């Protein structure tokens, strides 16, 4: 009987904490994450991006960008780039972004 009185409140606190972290990931400020995603999509200082699509969830963010490479004396090249950002430990940790498809020729995998 005593184990039950300890496990239930602990489980409740764990569920509430996971819910709060998920809500923060979904609805929290994403300005630093957008900057990281844009730099991942561009990969160059002479690049501009336009946001086409954004999906947010508790576990990942997905962005689609239209990228344009702006270099003097060269024709403009543009491409669409899809970037996915996830936290290191599902609901906790720093975000890490990766190019999932598209991108400019110098940034494509």
Protein backbone atom coordinates (compact mmCIF):
# COMPACT_ATOMS: atom_id res chain seq x y z
CA UNK A 1 0.00 0.00 0.00
CA UNK A 2 2.85 2.40 0.74
CA UNK A 3 4.48 1.92 -2.67
CA UNK A 4 1.22 2.93 -4.33
CA UNK A 5 1.12 6.18 -2.39
CA UNK A 6 4.59 7.07 -3.69
CA UNK A 7 4.31 5.85 -7.30
CA UNK A 8 1.02 7.56 -8.19
CA UNK A 9 2.07 11.11 -7.24
CA UNK A 10 5.46 10.57 -8.88
CA UNK A 11 3.81 9.36 -12.09
CA UNK A 12 1.41 12.31 -12.02
CA UNK A 13 4.30 14.79 -11.66
CA UNK A 14 6.18 13.07 -14.49
CA UNK A 15 3.14 13.28 -16.80
CA UNK A 16 2.55 16.94 -15.96
CA UNK A 17 6.22 17.77 -16.59
CA UNK A 18 6.18 15.97 -19.96
CA UNK A 19 3.00 17.84 -20.91
CA UNK A 20 4.51 21.20 -19.93
CA UNK A 21 7.69 20.47 -21.94
CA UNK A 22 5.64 19.41 -24.96
CA UNK A 23 3.53 22.58 -24.79
CA UNK A 24 6.66 24.70 -24.51
CA UNK A 25 8.19 22.97 -27.54
CA UNK A 26 5.01 23.47 -29.57
CA UNK A 27 3.95 26.98 -28.57
CA UNK A 28 7.13 28.54 -27.16
CA UNK A 29 9.31 31.22 -28.76
CA UNK A 30 11.01 29.78 -31.83
CA UNK A 31 13.08 32.78 -33.02
CA UNK A 32 16.50 31.18 -32.27
CA UNK A 33 15.33 27.93 -33.87
CA UNK A 34 14.21 29.74 -37.03
CA UNK A 35 17.65 31.35 -37.32
CA UNK A 36 19.31 27.94 -36.96
CA UNK A 37 16.98 26.42 -39.57
CA UNK A 38 17.61 29.29 -42.00
CA UNK A 39 21.38 28.93 -41.69
CA UNK A 40 21.02 25.17 -42.22
CA UNK A 41 18.93 25.76 -45.36
CA UNK A 42 21.34 28.37 -46.76
CA UNK A 43 24.78 27.20 -45.74
CA UNK A 44 26.28 30.44 -47.07
CA UNK A 45 26.57 34.06 -45.99
CA UNK A 46 25.46 35.23 -49.47
CA UNK A 47 22.11 33.52 -49.34
CA UNK A 48 18.58 34.70 -48.67
CA UNK A 49 15.60 32.60 -47.61
CA UNK A 50 11.83 32.86 -47.77
CA UNK A 51 9.69 30.67 -45.55
CA UNK A 52 7.25 28.53 -47.54
CA UNK A 53 5.91 26.14 -44.89
CA UNK A 54 6.29 25.47 -41.18
CA UNK A 55 5.08 22.50 -39.10
CA UNK A 56 5.44 22.45 -35.32
CA UNK A 57 4.92 19.59 -32.91
CA UNK A 58 6.16 18.63 -29.47
CA UNK A 59 8.98 16.53 -30.94
CA UNK A 60 10.12 18.28 -34.13
CA UNK A 61 9.86 21.36 -36.31
CA UNK A 62 9.80 21.15 -40.09
CA UNK A 63 10.48 24.11 -42.36
CA UNK A 64 10.42 24.54 -46.13
CA UNK A 65 12.37 27.46 -47.55
CA UNK A 66 12.98 28.98 -50.95
CA UNK A 67 16.70 29.79 -50.98
CA UNK A 68 18.53 32.17 -53.33
CA UNK A 69 22.29 32.41 -53.68
CA UNK A 70 23.35 36.02 -54.24
CA UNK A 71 26.90 36.35 -55.59
CA UNK A 72 28.19 39.24 -57.65
CA UNK A 73 29.10 38.39 -61.20
CA UNK A 74 27.27 35.06 -61.16
CA UNK A 75 23.74 34.21 -62.15
CA UNK A 76 21.30 33.79 -59.30
CA UNK A 77 20.61 30.21 -58.34
CA UNK A 78 17.64 29.20 -56.25
CA UNK A 79 16.23 26.02 -54.82
CA UNK A 80 13.77 24.84 -52.25
CA UNK A 81 15.14 23.31 -49.06
CA UNK A 82 13.40 21.24 -46.40
CA UNK A 83 14.87 21.42 -42.90
CA UNK A 84 13.90 19.32 -39.89
CA UNK A 85 14.86 20.32 -36.35
CA UNK A 86 14.67 18.03 -33.33
CA UNK A 87 15.78 18.21 -29.72
CA UNK A 88 18.61 15.96 -28.61
CA UNK A 89 16.46 14.08 -26.05
CA UNK A 90 12.88 14.21 -27.45
CA UNK A 91 11.55 16.95 -25.13
CA UNK A 92 14.85 18.28 -23.72
CA UNK A 93 18.22 19.41 -24.98
CA UNK A 94 19.44 21.71 -27.73
CA UNK A 95 17.84 21.69 -31.14
CA UNK A 96 19.76 20.16 -34.02
CA UNK A 97 18.68 20.94 -37.58
CA UNK A 98 19.37 18.90 -40.69
CA UNK A 99 18.65 19.43 -44.37
CA UNK A 100 16.24 16.65 -45.37
CA UNK A 101 15.82 17.45 -49.07
CA UNK A 102 16.64 20.06 -51.67
CA UNK A 103 19.01 22.91 -51.01
CA UNK A 104 21.48 24.81 -53.10
CA UNK A 105 24.08 22.72 -54.95
CA UNK A 106 26.90 23.68 -52.56
CA UNK A 107 24.79 22.83 -49.47
CA UNK A 108 23.10 19.71 -50.79
CA UNK A 109 24.33 16.36 -49.50
